[in-house]
PDB file of N, CA and C in Angstrom:
ATOM      1  N   UNK A   1     100.258 125.243  99.813  1.00  0.00           N
ATOM      2  CA  UNK A   1     102.095 124.338  99.869  1.00  0.00           C
ATOM      3  C   UNK A   1     102.050 123.415 101.112  1.00  0.00           C
ATOM      4  N   UNK A   2     100.765 123.571 101.988  1.00  0.00           N
ATOM      5  CA  UNK A   2     100.719 122.991 103.551  1.00  0.00           C
ATOM      6  C   UNK A   2     100.293 121.418 102.860  1.00  0.00           C
ATOM      7  N   UNK A   3      99.555 121.361 101.981  1.00  0.00           N
ATOM      8  CA  UNK A   3      99.010 120.349 101.535  1.00  0.00           C
ATOM      9  C   UNK A   3     100.126 119.573 101.011  1.00  0.00           C
ATOM     10  N   UNK A   4     101.008 120.164  99.841  1.00  0.00           N
ATOM     11  CA  UNK A   4     102.213 119.390  99.424  1.00  0.00           C
ATOM     12  C   UNK A   4     103.217 118.752 100.601  1.00  0.00           C
ATOM     13  N   UNK A   5     103.187 119.722 101.590  1.00  0.00           N
ATOM     14  CA  UNK A   5     104.403 119.074 102.866  1.00  0.00           C
ATOM     15  C   UNK A   5     103.674 117.793 103.531  1.00  0.00           C
ATOM     16  N   UNK A   6     102.518 118.389 103.758  1.00  0.00           N
ATOM     17  CA  UNK A   6     101.459 117.143 104.396  1.00  0.00           C
ATOM     18  C   UNK A   6     101.945 115.365 103.546  1.00  0.00           C
ATOM     19  N   UNK A   7     101.829 115.891 102.261  1.00  0.00           N
ATOM     20  CA  UNK A   7     101.355 114.451 101.166  1.00  0.00           C
ATOM     21  C   UNK A   7     102.943 113.798 101.357  1.00  0.00           C
ATOM     22  N   UNK A   8     104.500 114.943 101.335  1.00  0.00           N
ATOM     23  CA  UNK A   8     105.352 114.450 101.178  1.00  0.00           C
ATOM     24  C   UNK A   8     105.761 113.820 102.509  1.00  0.00           C
ATOM     25  N   UNK A   9     105.528 114.020 103.861  1.00  0.00           N
ATOM     26  CA  UNK A   9     105.585 113.525 105.214  1.00  0.00           C
ATOM     27  C   UNK A   9     104.538 112.209 105.043  1.00  0.00           C
ATOM     28  N   UNK A  10     103.755 112.199 104.423  1.00  0.00           N
ATOM     29  CA  UNK A  10     102.783 111.094 104.641  1.00  0.00           C
ATOM     30  C   UNK A  10     103.616 109.475 104.006  1.00  0.00           C
ATOM     31  N   UNK A  11     104.443 109.976 102.312  1.00  0.00           N
ATOM     32  CA  UNK A  11     104.712 109.424 101.892  1.00  0.00           C
ATOM     33  C   UNK A  11     106.703 108.808 102.658  1.00  0.00           C
ATOM     34  N   UNK A  12     106.688 110.050 103.536  1.00  0.00           N
ATOM     35  CA  UNK A  12     107.868 109.648 104.076  1.00  0.00           C
ATOM     36  C   UNK A  12     107.404 108.185 105.364  1.00  0.00           C
ATOM     37  N   UNK A  13     106.289 108.678 105.655  1.00  0.00           N
ATOM     38  CA  UNK A  13     105.621 107.716 107.065  1.00  0.00           C
ATOM     39  C   UNK A  13     105.688 106.140 106.318  1.00  0.00           C
ATOM     40  N   UNK A  14     105.055 105.933 105.346  1.00  0.00           N
ATOM     41  CA  UNK A  14     104.626 105.177 104.570  1.00  0.00           C
ATOM     42  C   UNK A  14     106.028 104.200 103.752  1.00  0.00           C
ATOM     43  N   UNK A  15     106.720 105.009 103.533  1.00  0.00           N
ATOM     44  CA  UNK A  15     107.818 104.430 103.473  1.00  0.00           C
ATOM     45  C   UNK A  15     108.849 103.785 104.719  1.00  0.00           C
ATOM     46  N   UNK A  16     108.460 104.182 105.530  1.00  0.00           N
ATOM     47  CA  UNK A  16     109.264 104.188 107.068  1.00  0.00           C
ATOM     48  C   UNK A  16     108.781 103.143 107.678  1.00  0.00           C
ATOM     49  N   UNK A  17     107.506 102.882 107.140  1.00  0.00           N
ATOM     50  CA  UNK A  17     106.927 101.968 107.556  1.00  0.00           C
ATOM     51  C   UNK A  17     106.711 100.535 106.573  1.00  0.00           C
ATOM     52  N   UNK A  18     107.117 100.810 105.482  1.00  0.00           N
ATOM     53  CA  UNK A  18     107.780  99.462 104.455  1.00  0.00           C
ATOM     54  C   UNK A  18     109.269  98.867 104.820  1.00  0.00           C
ATOM     55  N   UNK A  19     110.044 100.106 105.096  1.00  0.00           N
ATOM     56  CA  UNK A  19     111.389  99.464 105.343  1.00  0.00           C
ATOM     57  C   UNK A  19     111.683  98.622 106.725  1.00  0.00           C
ATOM     58  N   UNK A  20     110.040  98.929 107.551  1.00  0.00           N
ATOM     59  CA  UNK A  20     110.567  98.784 109.239  1.00  0.00           C
ATOM     60  C   UNK A  20     109.513  97.207 108.813  1.00  0.00           C
ATOM     61  N   UNK A  21     108.519  97.249 108.547  1.00  0.00           N
ATOM     62  CA  UNK A  21     107.968  95.690 108.169  1.00  0.00           C
ATOM     63  C   UNK A  21     108.820  94.771 106.951  1.00  0.00           C
ATOM     64  N   UNK A  22     109.486  95.504 106.158  1.00  0.00           N
ATOM     65  CA  UNK A  22     110.641  94.191 105.561  1.00  0.00           C
ATOM     66  C   UNK A  22     112.076  93.695 106.200  1.00  0.00           C
ATOM     67  N   UNK A  23     112.092  94.602 106.956  1.00  0.00           N
ATOM     68  CA  UNK A  23     113.325  94.288 107.929  1.00  0.00           C
ATOM     69  C   UNK A  23     112.634  93.152 109.283  1.00  0.00           C
ATOM     70  N   UNK A  24     111.510  93.616 109.580  1.00  0.00           N
ATOM     71  CA  UNK A  24     110.807  92.265 110.747  1.00  0.00           C
ATOM     72  C   UNK A  24     110.350  91.154 109.800  1.00  0.00           C
ATOM     73  N   UNK A  25     109.797  91.225 108.831  1.00  0.00           N
ATOM     74  CA  UNK A  25     109.865  90.019 108.077  1.00  0.00           C
ATOM     75  C   UNK A  25     111.064  89.103 107.797  1.00  0.00           C
ATOM     76  N   UNK A  26     112.228  89.836 107.237  1.00  0.00           N
ATOM     77  CA  UNK A  26     113.586  89.359 107.652  1.00  0.00           C
ATOM     78  C   UNK A  26     113.840  88.589 108.646  1.00  0.00           C
ATOM     79  N   UNK A  27     113.461  88.991 109.628  1.00  0.00           N
ATOM     80  CA  UNK A  27     114.102  89.124 111.079  1.00  0.00           C
ATOM     81  C   UNK A  27     113.348  87.439 111.328  1.00  0.00           C
ATOM     82  N   UNK A  28     111.936  87.653 110.919  1.00  0.00           N
ATOM     83  CA  UNK A  28     110.667  86.229 111.255  1.00  0.00           C
ATOM     84  C   UNK A  28     111.360  85.390 110.218  1.00  0.00           C
ATOM     85  N   UNK A  29     112.066  85.504 109.457  1.00  0.00           N
ATOM     86  CA  UNK A  29     112.579  84.446 108.404  1.00  0.00           C
ATOM     87  C   UNK A  29     113.965  83.981 109.035  1.00  0.00           C
ATOM     88  N   UNK A  30     114.269  84.679 109.507  1.00  0.00           N
ATOM     89  CA  UNK A  30     115.676  84.309 110.244  1.00  0.00           C
ATOM     90  C   UNK A  30     115.078  83.024 111.629  1.00  0.00           C
ATOM     91  N   UNK A  31     114.075  83.317 112.069  1.00  0.00           N
ATOM     92  CA  UNK A  31     113.118  82.194 113.193  1.00  0.00           C
ATOM     93  C   UNK A  31     112.474  81.074 112.270  1.00  0.00           C
ATOM     94  N   UNK A  32     112.117  81.395 111.443  1.00  0.00           N
ATOM     95  CA  UNK A  32     111.388  80.194 110.259  1.00  0.00           C
ATOM     96  C   UNK A  32     112.802  79.078 110.297  1.00  0.00           C
ATOM     97  N   UNK A  33     113.964  79.517 110.351  1.00  0.00           N
ATOM     98  CA  UNK A  33     114.733  78.995 109.386  1.00  0.00           C
ATOM     99  C   UNK A  33     115.560  77.899 110.802  1.00  0.00           C
ATOM    100  N   UNK A  34     116.044  79.217 111.971  1.00  0.00           N
ATOM    101  CA  UNK A  34     116.555  78.378 112.801  1.00  0.00           C
ATOM    102  C   UNK A  34     115.406  78.094 114.179  1.00  0.00           C
ATOM    103  N   UNK A  35     114.573  78.525 113.536  1.00  0.00           N
ATOM    104  CA  UNK A  35     113.873  77.987 115.418  1.00  0.00           C
ATOM    105  C   UNK A  35     113.951  76.530 115.630  1.00  0.00           C
ATOM    106  N   UNK A  36     114.007  76.840 117.154  1.00  0.00           N
ATOM    107  CA  UNK A  36     114.048  75.367 117.915  1.00  0.00           C
ATOM    108  C   UNK A  36     112.881  74.394 117.638  1.00  0.00           C
ATOM    109  N   UNK A  37     112.010  75.224 117.909  1.00  0.00           N
ATOM    110  CA  UNK A  37     110.417  74.098 117.747  1.00  0.00           C
ATOM    111  C   UNK A  37     109.919  74.210 116.754  1.00  0.00           C
ATOM    112  N   UNK A  38     108.963  73.334 116.234  1.00  0.00           N
ATOM    113  CA  UNK A  38     108.335  73.559 115.037  1.00  0.00           C
ATOM    114  C   UNK A  38     106.465  74.695 115.263  1.00  0.00           C
ATOM    115  N   UNK A  39     106.231  74.776 116.445  1.00  0.00           N
ATOM    116  CA  UNK A  39     105.566  75.899 117.005  1.00  0.00           C
ATOM    117  C   UNK A  39     106.001  77.026 116.577  1.00  0.00           C
ATOM    118  N   UNK A  40     107.482  77.260 117.283  1.00  0.00           N
ATOM    119  CA  UNK A  40     108.312  78.560 116.720  1.00  0.00           C
ATOM    120  C   UNK A  40     108.115  78.914 115.195  1.00  0.00           C
ATOM    121  N   UNK A  41     108.481  77.824 114.349  1.00  0.00           N
ATOM    122  CA  UNK A  41     108.158  78.128 113.062  1.00  0.00           C
ATOM    123  C   UNK A  41     107.108  78.822 112.481  1.00  0.00           C
ATOM    124  N   UNK A  42     105.884  77.945 113.062  1.00  0.00           N
ATOM    125  CA  UNK A  42     104.843  77.891 112.832  1.00  0.00           C
ATOM    126  C   UNK A  42     104.432  79.420 113.067  1.00  0.00           C
ATOM    127  N   UNK A  43     104.314  80.017 114.215  1.00  0.00           N
ATOM    128  CA  UNK A  43     104.778  81.272 114.724  1.00  0.00           C
ATOM    129  C   UNK A  43     105.248  82.267 113.982  1.00  0.00           C
ATOM    130  N   UNK A  44     106.387  82.296 113.601  1.00  0.00           N
ATOM    131  CA  UNK A  44     107.240  82.738 112.503  1.00  0.00           C
ATOM    132  C   UNK A  44     106.853  83.107 111.102  1.00  0.00           C
ATOM    133  N   UNK A  45     105.624  81.590 110.436  1.00  0.00           N
ATOM    134  CA  UNK A  45     105.059  81.942 109.244  1.00  0.00           C
ATOM    135  C   UNK A  45     104.202  82.851 109.304  1.00  0.00           C
ATOM    136  N   UNK A  46     103.470  82.706 110.808  1.00  0.00           N
ATOM    137  CA  UNK A  46     102.265  83.287 110.575  1.00  0.00           C
ATOM    138  C   UNK A  46     102.809  84.921 110.580  1.00  0.00           C
ATOM    139  N   UNK A  47     103.284  85.323 111.073  1.00  0.00           N
ATOM    140  CA  UNK A  47     104.094  86.511 111.068  1.00  0.00           C
ATOM    141  C   UNK A  47     104.314  87.312 110.165  1.00  0.00           C
ATOM    142  N   UNK A  48     105.649  86.309 109.285  1.00  0.00           N
ATOM    143  CA  UNK A  48     105.412  87.052 107.636  1.00  0.00           C
ATOM    144  C   UNK A  48     104.415  87.104 106.915  1.00  0.00           C
ATOM    145  N   UNK A  49     103.426  85.848 107.189  1.00  0.00           N
ATOM    146  CA  UNK A  49     102.058  86.517 106.085  1.00  0.00           C
ATOM    147  C   UNK A  49     101.740  87.763 106.809  1.00  0.00           C
ATOM    148  N   UNK A  50     101.677  87.661 107.861  1.00  0.00           N
ATOM    149  CA  UNK A  50     100.835  89.262 108.795  1.00  0.00           C
ATOM    150  C   UNK A  50     101.696  90.142 108.230  1.00  0.00           C
ATOM    151  N   UNK A  51     103.002  90.341 107.864  1.00  0.00           N
ATOM    152  CA  UNK A  51     103.747  91.314 107.412  1.00  0.00           C
ATOM    153  C   UNK A  51     103.784  91.684 106.274  1.00  0.00           C
ATOM    154  N   UNK A  52     104.148  90.344 105.293  1.00  0.00           N
ATOM    155  CA  UNK A  52     103.577  90.539 104.185  1.00  0.00           C
ATOM    156  C   UNK A  52     101.835  91.452 103.232  1.00  0.00           C
ATOM    157  N   UNK A  53     100.717  90.971 104.737  1.00  0.00           N
ATOM    158  CA  UNK A  53      99.774  91.952 104.129  1.00  0.00           C
ATOM    159  C   UNK A  53      99.918  93.444 104.547  1.00  0.00           C
ATOM    160  N   UNK A  54     100.921  94.011 105.772  1.00  0.00           N
ATOM    161  CA  UNK A  54     100.971  95.108 106.143  1.00  0.00           C
ATOM    162  C   UNK A  54     102.012  95.567 105.012  1.00  0.00           C
ATOM    163  N   UNK A  55     102.623  94.966 104.596  1.00  0.00           N
ATOM    164  CA  UNK A  55     103.471  95.574 103.422  1.00  0.00           C
ATOM    165  C   UNK A  55     102.415  95.972 102.009  1.00  0.00           C
ATOM    166  N   UNK A  56     101.739  95.159 101.562  1.00  0.00           N
ATOM    167  CA  UNK A  56     100.660  95.337 100.224  1.00  0.00           C
ATOM    168  C   UNK A  56     100.103  96.547 100.587  1.00  0.00           C
ATOM    169  N   UNK A  57      99.021  96.556 102.403  1.00  0.00           N
ATOM    170  CA  UNK A  57      98.413  97.669 102.319  1.00  0.00           C
ATOM    171  C   UNK A  57      99.438  99.552 102.483  1.00  0.00           C
ATOM    172  N   UNK A  58     100.399  99.085 103.293  1.00  0.00           N
ATOM    173  CA  UNK A  58     101.720 100.082 102.953  1.00  0.00           C
ATOM    174  C   UNK A  58     101.699 100.185 101.464  1.00  0.00           C
ATOM    175  N   UNK A  59     102.005  99.391 100.433  1.00  0.00           N
ATOM    176  CA  UNK A  59     102.541 100.159  99.320  1.00  0.00           C
ATOM    177  C   UNK A  59     101.312 100.862  98.271  1.00  0.00           C
ATOM    178  N   UNK A  60     100.090 100.180  99.335  1.00  0.00           N
ATOM    179  CA  UNK A  60      98.844 100.858  98.358  1.00  0.00           C
ATOM    180  C   UNK A  60      98.644 101.620  98.742  1.00  0.00           C
ATOM    181  N   UNK A  61      98.861 101.959  99.902  1.00  0.00           N
ATOM    182  CA  UNK A  61      98.460 103.712 100.193  1.00  0.00           C
ATOM    183  C   UNK A  61      99.856 104.641  99.403  1.00  0.00           C
ATOM    184  N   UNK A  62     100.905 104.202  99.907  1.00  0.00           N
ATOM    185  CA  UNK A  62     102.028 104.589  99.335  1.00  0.00           C
ATOM    186  C   UNK A  62     102.151 105.039  97.703  1.00  0.00           C
ATOM    187  N   UNK A  63     101.536 104.113  96.892  1.00  0.00           N
ATOM    188  CA  UNK A  63     101.106 104.121  95.532  1.00  0.00           C
ATOM    189  C   UNK A  63     100.033 104.790  95.059  1.00  0.00           C
ATOM    190  N   UNK A  64      98.706 104.685  95.929  1.00  0.00           N
ATOM    191  CA  UNK A  64      97.275 105.720  95.928  1.00  0.00           C
ATOM    192  C   UNK A  64      96.758 104.519  95.210  1.00  0.00           C
ATOM    193  N   UNK A  65      97.132 103.046  94.792  1.00  0.00           N
ATOM    194  CA  UNK A  65      96.470 102.439  93.764  1.00  0.00           C
ATOM    195  C   UNK A  65      95.511 101.227  94.833  1.00  0.00           C
ATOM    196  N   UNK A  66      94.297 100.838  95.129  1.00  0.00           N
ATOM    197  CA  UNK A  66      93.221 100.013  95.246  1.00  0.00           C
ATOM    198  C   UNK A  66      93.594  99.048  94.949  1.00  0.00           C
ATOM    199  N   UNK A  67      94.611  98.528  94.036  1.00  0.00           N
ATOM    200  CA  UNK A  67      94.643  96.943  94.007  1.00  0.00           C
ATOM    201  C   UNK A  67      95.365  96.200  94.710  1.00  0.00           C
ATOM    202  N   UNK A  68      96.542  96.625  95.432  1.00  0.00           N
ATOM    203  CA  UNK A  68      96.991  96.577  96.517  1.00  0.00           C
ATOM    204  C   UNK A  68      96.542  95.959  97.779  1.00  0.00           C
ATOM    205  N   UNK A  69      95.326  97.040  98.428  1.00  0.00           N
ATOM    206  CA  UNK A  69      94.192  96.639  99.315  1.00  0.00           C
ATOM    207  C   UNK A  69      93.862  95.467  99.116  1.00  0.00           C
ATOM    208  N   UNK A  70      93.300  94.912  97.349  1.00  0.00           N
ATOM    209  CA  UNK A  70      92.367  93.763  97.006  1.00  0.00           C
ATOM    210  C   UNK A  70      93.625  92.985  97.600  1.00  0.00           C
ATOM    211  N   UNK A  71      94.860  92.701  97.139  1.00  0.00           N
ATOM    212  CA  UNK A  71      95.883  91.503  97.094  1.00  0.00           C
ATOM    213  C   UNK A  71      96.156  91.384  98.192  1.00  0.00           C
ATOM    214  N   UNK A  72      96.297  92.623  99.499  1.00  0.00           N
ATOM    215  CA  UNK A  72      96.868  92.348 100.666  1.00  0.00           C
ATOM    216  C   UNK A  72      95.161  90.924 101.576  1.00  0.00           C
ATOM    217  N   UNK A  73      94.121  92.176 101.523  1.00  0.00           N
ATOM    218  CA  UNK A  73      92.943  91.292 101.760  1.00  0.00           C
ATOM    219  C   UNK A  73      92.575  89.428 101.352  1.00  0.00           C
ATOM    220  N   UNK A  74      93.126  89.599 100.365  1.00  0.00           N
ATOM    221  CA  UNK A  74      93.396  87.742  99.782  1.00  0.00           C
ATOM    222  C   UNK A  74      94.614  86.883 100.446  1.00  0.00           C
ATOM    223  N   UNK A  75      95.316  88.070 100.541  1.00  0.00           N
ATOM    224  CA  UNK A  75      96.751  87.180 101.278  1.00  0.00           C
ATOM    225  C   UNK A  75      96.553  87.058 103.063  1.00  0.00           C
ATOM    226  N   UNK A  76      95.849  88.225 103.354  1.00  0.00           N
ATOM    227  CA  UNK A  76      95.356  87.963 105.132  1.00  0.00           C
ATOM    228  C   UNK A  76      94.517  86.581 104.884  1.00  0.00           C
ATOM    229  N   UNK A  77      93.333  86.137 104.042  1.00  0.00           N
ATOM    230  CA  UNK A  77      92.347  85.226 104.289  1.00  0.00           C
ATOM    231  C   UNK A  77      93.675  83.988 104.026  1.00  0.00           C
ATOM    232  N   UNK A  78      94.504  84.308 102.840  1.00  0.00           N
ATOM    233  CA  UNK A  78      94.901  82.801 102.773  1.00  0.00           C
ATOM    234  C   UNK A  78      96.147  82.790 103.639  1.00  0.00           C
ATOM    235  N   UNK A  79      96.339  83.531 104.721  1.00  0.00           N
ATOM    236  CA  UNK A  79      97.540  83.159 105.401  1.00  0.00           C
ATOM    237  C   UNK A  79      96.747  82.693 106.617  1.00  0.00           C
ATOM    238  N   UNK A  80      95.224  83.365 107.250  1.00  0.00           N
ATOM    239  CA  UNK A  80      94.553  83.033 108.273  1.00  0.00           C
ATOM    240  C   UNK A  80      94.350  81.196 107.704  1.00  0.00           C
ATOM    241  N   UNK A  81      93.608  80.757 106.455  1.00  0.00           N
ATOM    242  CA  UNK A  81      93.669  79.540 106.703  1.00  0.00           C
ATOM    243  C   UNK A  81      94.761  78.525 106.208  1.00  0.00           C
ATOM    244  N   UNK A  82      95.754  78.904 105.769  1.00  0.00           N
ATOM    245  CA  UNK A  82      96.985  78.602 106.146  1.00  0.00           C
ATOM    246  C   UNK A  82      97.621  78.411 107.360  1.00  0.00           C
ATOM    247  N   UNK A  83      97.155  79.285 108.465  1.00  0.00           N
ATOM    248  CA  UNK A  83      98.321  79.305 109.733  1.00  0.00           C
ATOM    249  C   UNK A  83      97.033  78.165 110.589  1.00  0.00           C
ATOM    250  N   UNK A  84      95.567  78.135 110.480  1.00  0.00           N
ATOM    251  CA  UNK A  84      94.664  77.139 111.087  1.00  0.00           C
ATOM    252  C   UNK A  84      95.326  75.613 110.315  1.00  0.00           C
ATOM    253  N   UNK A  85      95.349  75.444 109.279  1.00  0.00           N
ATOM    254  CA  UNK A  85      95.528  74.458 108.869  1.00  0.00           C
ATOM    255  C   UNK A  85      97.090  73.556 109.212  1.00  0.00           C
ATOM    256  N   UNK A  86      97.676  74.736 109.260  1.00  0.00           N
ATOM    257  CA  UNK A  86      99.663  73.860 110.025  1.00  0.00           C
ATOM    258  C   UNK A  86      99.081  73.633 111.365  1.00  0.00           C
ATOM    259  N   UNK A  87      98.421  74.904 112.006  1.00  0.00           N
ATOM    260  CA  UNK A  87      98.049  74.256 113.443  1.00  0.00           C
ATOM    261  C   UNK A  87      97.406  73.442 113.672  1.00  0.00           C
ATOM    262  N   UNK A  88      96.483  72.624 112.717  1.00  0.00           N
ATOM    263  CA  UNK A  88      95.716  71.642 112.810  1.00  0.00           C
ATOM    264  C   UNK A  88      96.960  70.309 112.932  1.00  0.00           C
ATOM    265  N   UNK A  89      97.781  70.532 111.766  1.00  0.00           N
ATOM    266  CA  UNK A  89      98.176  69.735 111.507  1.00  0.00           C
ATOM    267  C   UNK A  89      99.496  69.733 112.796  1.00  0.00           C
ATOM    268  N   UNK A  90      99.974  70.255 113.391  1.00  0.00           N
ATOM    269  CA  UNK A  90     100.736  70.570 114.704  1.00  0.00           C
ATOM    270  C   UNK A  90     100.545  69.740 115.564  1.00  0.00           C
ATOM    271  N   UNK A  91      98.830  70.220 115.914  1.00  0.00           N
ATOM    272  CA  UNK A  91      98.095  69.398 117.122  1.00  0.00           C
ATOM    273  C   UNK A  91      98.097  68.014 116.676  1.00  0.00           C
ATOM    274  N   UNK A  92      97.150  67.976 115.698  1.00  0.00           N
ATOM    275  CA  UNK A  92      96.537  66.193 115.898  1.00  0.00           C
ATOM    276  C   UNK A  92      97.349  65.389 114.782  1.00  0.00           C
ATOM    277  N   UNK A  93      98.735  66.072 113.913  1.00  0.00           N
ATOM    278  CA  UNK A  93      99.620  65.318 113.235  1.00  0.00           C
ATOM    279  C   UNK A  93      98.848  65.278 111.673  1.00  0.00           C
ATOM    280  N   UNK A  94      97.281  65.622 111.833  1.00  0.00           N
ATOM    281  CA  UNK A  94      96.380  65.636 110.227  1.00  0.00           C
ATOM    282  C   UNK A  94      95.823  67.275 110.371  1.00  0.00           C
ATOM    283  N   UNK A  95      95.345  66.864 109.324  1.00  0.00           N
ATOM    284  CA  UNK A  95      94.698  68.568 108.962  1.00  0.00           C
ATOM    285  C   UNK A  95      93.480  67.777 108.745  1.00  0.00           C
ATOM    286  N   UNK A  96      92.961  66.853 108.021  1.00  0.00           N
ATOM    287  CA  UNK A  96      91.401  66.284 107.700  1.00  0.00           C
ATOM    288  C   UNK A  96      91.606  65.315 108.321  1.00  0.00           C
ATOM    289  N   UNK A  97      90.518  64.550 109.467  1.00  0.00           N
ATOM    290  CA  UNK A  97      90.549  63.998 109.729  1.00  0.00           C
ATOM    291  C   UNK A  97      89.218  62.814 108.564  1.00  0.00           C
TER     292      UNK A  97
END
């Protein structure tokens, strides 16, 4: 019975993490819309990408399915490349010289 209680507790932790990450993503979305400068919006977009990766990983843990871990890794790679591209655009004004 102690094992079942531990599983229930872990599911509550995963659920709380999902709710917190979702709320933070909404707050970052507000910064993307109302950001005073372009770099603020870029950082907010990067935060949203990181939170989506966290949400996918937490969902994988919550459901016990490994597919969402793969999805989170692919999202992390795409987020990294897009952050580099947008940062290059903000700094240089062009992505590829």
